[in-house]
Amino acid sequence: MAIRAIRLFGDPLLKSVCEHLEPTSDRARDVIGDLLDTVKLPGRAGVAANQIGVGLRAFSFNIDGDIGYLINPKMLKTWGDPVDMSEGCLSVPGLTYPRARYPHAIARGYTLEGELIDIEGEGLMAQALQHELDHLEGTLYFEGLTPEYKKDALRTIRESEWFSR
């Protein structure tokens, strides 16, 4: 498996809805291996498959040393009053903004063995589950910012060295 480069905002794959992945397939094994290798780098809480150039429904997470993945995930439940959490994204480097997220979440998906599992989290894990599931739907975190922050984010992105015009 390999550490894969992260796709940056402007790449059309990041705005595409990801497709189903057969959990027990060789393709799933390859994608999950790359996602796990890629998320293990310092400062990474999660990586969605489309962030590494694969338009399939899978993501990995690395929260406080708890490393894992889900294939074909769906959000089962979010609850609690949304709270502003500091949030950034590997595909939009250098930007961090307060983003309202539910403090609790449960996502369901498959393992490479085809087992259906639930991942429940609060705080950062809940935030990561919501963030990565958004990626698989073609949504980037700054799209959910308040209008003031979103305007600032878009301006900052346009002025960034990494943004290709």
Protein backbone atom coordinates (compact mmCIF):
# COMPACT_ATOMS: atom_id res chain seq x y z
CA MET A 1 0.00 0.00 0.00
CA ALA A 2 1.07 3.62 -0.29
CA ILE A 3 0.80 7.10 1.11
CA ARG A 4 -1.14 8.97 -1.55
CA ALA A 5 -1.07 12.67 -2.44
CA ILE A 6 -4.08 14.68 -1.32
CA ARG A 7 -6.20 16.26 -4.05
CA LEU A 8 -6.76 19.99 -3.59
CA PHE A 9 -9.87 22.10 -3.98
CA GLY A 10 -10.42 22.71 -7.68
CA ASP A 11 -10.04 19.02 -8.53
CA PRO A 12 -13.46 17.97 -9.90
CA LEU A 13 -13.34 14.62 -8.10
CA LEU A 14 -13.73 16.45 -4.78
CA LYS A 15 -17.10 17.79 -5.94
CA SER A 16 -18.36 14.41 -7.18
CA VAL A 17 -20.58 11.97 -5.32
CA CYS A 18 -18.56 8.80 -4.74
CA GLU A 19 -19.70 5.40 -6.00
CA HIS A 20 -20.34 2.14 -4.16
CA LEU A 21 -17.30 -0.04 -3.36
CA GLU A 22 -17.61 -3.81 -3.05
CA PRO A 23 -16.28 -4.33 0.52
CA THR A 24 -14.62 -7.73 0.04
CA SER A 25 -13.01 -6.94 -3.33
CA ASP A 26 -9.31 -6.62 -4.11
CA ARG A 27 -10.06 -3.02 -5.12
CA ALA A 28 -11.43 -2.32 -1.62
CA ARG A 29 -8.33 -3.88 -0.05
CA ASP A 30 -6.08 -1.61 -2.13
CA VAL A 31 -8.11 1.55 -1.47
CA ILE A 32 -8.36 0.91 2.29
CA GLY A 33 -4.63 0.13 2.50
CA ASP A 34 -3.81 3.45 0.84
CA LEU A 35 -6.34 5.35 3.00
CA LEU A 36 -4.88 3.88 6.20
CA ASP A 37 -1.29 4.61 5.15
CA THR A 38 -2.26 8.16 4.16
CA VAL A 39 -4.22 9.00 7.33
CA LYS A 40 -1.38 7.87 9.62
CA LEU A 41 0.70 10.95 8.83
CA PRO A 42 0.79 13.52 11.66
CA GLY A 43 -2.01 16.06 11.78
CA ARG A 44 -4.55 13.96 9.91
CA ALA A 45 -7.92 13.13 11.45
CA GLY A 46 -9.48 11.62 8.33
CA VAL A 47 -9.05 11.02 4.62
CA ALA A 48 -11.84 10.27 2.15
CA ALA A 49 -11.15 8.17 -0.94
CA ASN A 50 -11.86 11.04 -3.33
CA GLN A 51 -9.15 13.05 -1.57
CA ILE A 52 -6.62 10.50 -2.84
CA GLY A 53 -8.08 10.40 -6.32
CA VAL A 54 -10.47 7.47 -5.94
CA GLY A 55 -14.18 8.18 -6.48
CA LEU A 56 -15.39 5.35 -4.24
CA ARG A 57 -17.30 5.41 -0.94
CA ALA A 58 -14.66 4.83 1.73
CA PHE A 59 -12.76 6.84 4.29
CA SER A 60 -10.19 6.38 7.02
CA PHE A 61 -9.87 8.13 10.37
CA ASN A 62 -7.14 8.71 12.94
CA ILE A 63 -8.57 10.15 16.14
CA ASP A 64 -6.32 10.13 19.21
CA GLY A 65 -4.50 7.06 17.88
CA ASP A 66 -7.74 5.23 17.04
CA ILE A 67 -7.20 4.37 13.37
CA GLY A 68 -9.89 2.78 11.26
CA TYR A 69 -12.05 2.97 8.17
CA LEU A 70 -15.54 2.48 6.79
CA ILE A 71 -16.63 1.27 3.37
CA ASN A 72 -19.94 2.52 1.93
CA PRO A 73 -20.64 4.52 5.09
CA LYS A 74 -23.95 6.14 5.95
CA MET A 75 -24.73 8.47 8.80
CA LEU A 76 -27.16 6.73 11.14
CA LYS A 77 -27.65 9.48 13.64
CA THR A 78 -26.36 12.87 14.75
CA TRP A 79 -27.56 14.53 17.90
CA GLY A 80 -27.07 17.33 20.34
CA ASP A 81 -27.09 21.03 19.63
CA PRO A 82 -24.61 21.89 16.86
CA VAL A 83 -21.48 23.56 18.23
CA ASP A 84 -18.81 25.55 16.45
CA MET A 85 -15.70 23.42 16.18
CA SER A 86 -12.41 24.53 14.70
CA GLU A 87 -12.20 22.72 11.37
CA GLY A 88 -9.81 22.49 8.46
CA CYS A 89 -9.33 20.18 5.51
CA LEU A 90 -6.34 18.58 3.84
CA SER A 91 -7.86 19.49 0.46
CA VAL A 92 -8.04 23.15 1.46
CA PRO A 93 -4.64 23.55 3.18
CA GLY A 94 -3.89 26.33 5.62
CA LEU A 95 -7.48 27.31 6.39
CA THR A 96 -9.25 26.74 9.68
CA TYR A 97 -12.66 28.13 10.55
CA PRO A 98 -15.37 27.57 13.14
CA ARG A 99 -17.82 25.09 11.63
CA ALA A 100 -21.06 24.00 13.28
CA ARG A 101 -21.16 20.23 13.78
CA TYR A 102 -23.27 17.91 15.88
CA PRO A 103 -21.34 16.83 18.99
CA HIS A 104 -22.41 13.17 18.64
CA ALA A 105 -22.62 10.92 15.59
CA ILE A 106 -22.99 7.29 14.59
CA ALA A 107 -21.98 6.09 11.13
CA ARG A 108 -22.50 2.59 9.73
CA GLY A 109 -20.43 0.91 7.07
CA TYR A 110 -18.59 -2.24 6.09
CA THR A 111 -15.23 -3.79 6.89
CA LEU A 112 -13.05 -5.54 4.32
CA GLU A 113 -14.55 -8.82 5.57
CA GLY A 114 -18.04 -7.60 4.65
CA GLU A 115 -19.10 -7.11 8.26
CA LEU A 116 -21.52 -4.25 8.91
CA ILE A 117 -20.26 -2.10 11.82
CA ASP A 118 -21.18 1.11 13.58
CA ILE A 119 -18.69 3.77 14.63
CA GLU A 120 -19.94 6.08 17.33
CA GLY A 121 -18.13 9.20 18.32
CA GLU A 122 -18.35 12.43 20.18
CA GLY A 123 -16.32 15.60 19.83
CA LEU A 124 -13.52 15.19 17.31
CA MET A 125 -14.64 11.70 16.23
CA ALA A 126 -18.19 12.95 15.59
CA GLN A 127 -16.75 15.88 13.65
CA ALA A 128 -14.53 13.59 11.56
CA LEU A 129 -17.42 11.26 10.72
CA GLN A 130 -19.51 14.19 9.50
CA HIS A 131 -16.59 15.76 7.61
CA GLU A 132 -15.57 12.57 5.79
CA LEU A 133 -19.15 11.61 4.91
CA ASP A 134 -19.57 15.10 3.44
CA HIS A 135 -16.51 14.45 1.25
CA LEU A 136 -18.09 11.28 -0.15
CA GLU A 137 -21.12 13.38 -1.16
CA GLY A 138 -18.90 15.93 -2.93
CA THR A 139 -19.20 18.58 -0.22
CA LEU A 140 -16.24 20.46 1.26
CA TYR A 141 -16.31 21.77 4.81
CA PHE A 142 -16.20 25.45 3.93
CA GLU A 143 -19.53 25.11 2.12
CA GLY A 144 -21.20 24.80 5.53
CA LEU A 145 -19.57 27.86 7.07
CA THR A 146 -21.54 30.95 8.05
CA PRO A 147 -21.76 33.43 5.14
CA GLU A 148 -19.11 35.70 6.69
CA TYR A 149 -16.59 32.89 7.14
CA LYS A 150 -17.42 31.32 3.78
CA LYS A 151 -16.75 34.62 2.00
CA ASP A 152 -13.41 34.94 3.79
CA ALA A 153 -12.53 31.30 3.02
CA LEU A 154 -13.23 31.69 -0.70
CA ARG A 155 -11.15 34.88 -0.84
CA THR A 156 -8.29 33.19 0.99
CA ILE A 157 -8.47 30.17 -1.32
CA ARG A 158 -8.30 32.38 -4.42
CA GLU A 159 -5.20 34.09 -3.01
CA SER A 160 -3.48 30.82 -1.97
CA GLU A 161 -0.32 29.67 -3.73
CA TRP A 162 -1.68 26.14 -4.06
CA PHE A 163 -4.94 27.15 -5.77
CA SER A 164 -4.80 26.66 -9.54
CA ARG A 165 -6.84 29.21 -11.40
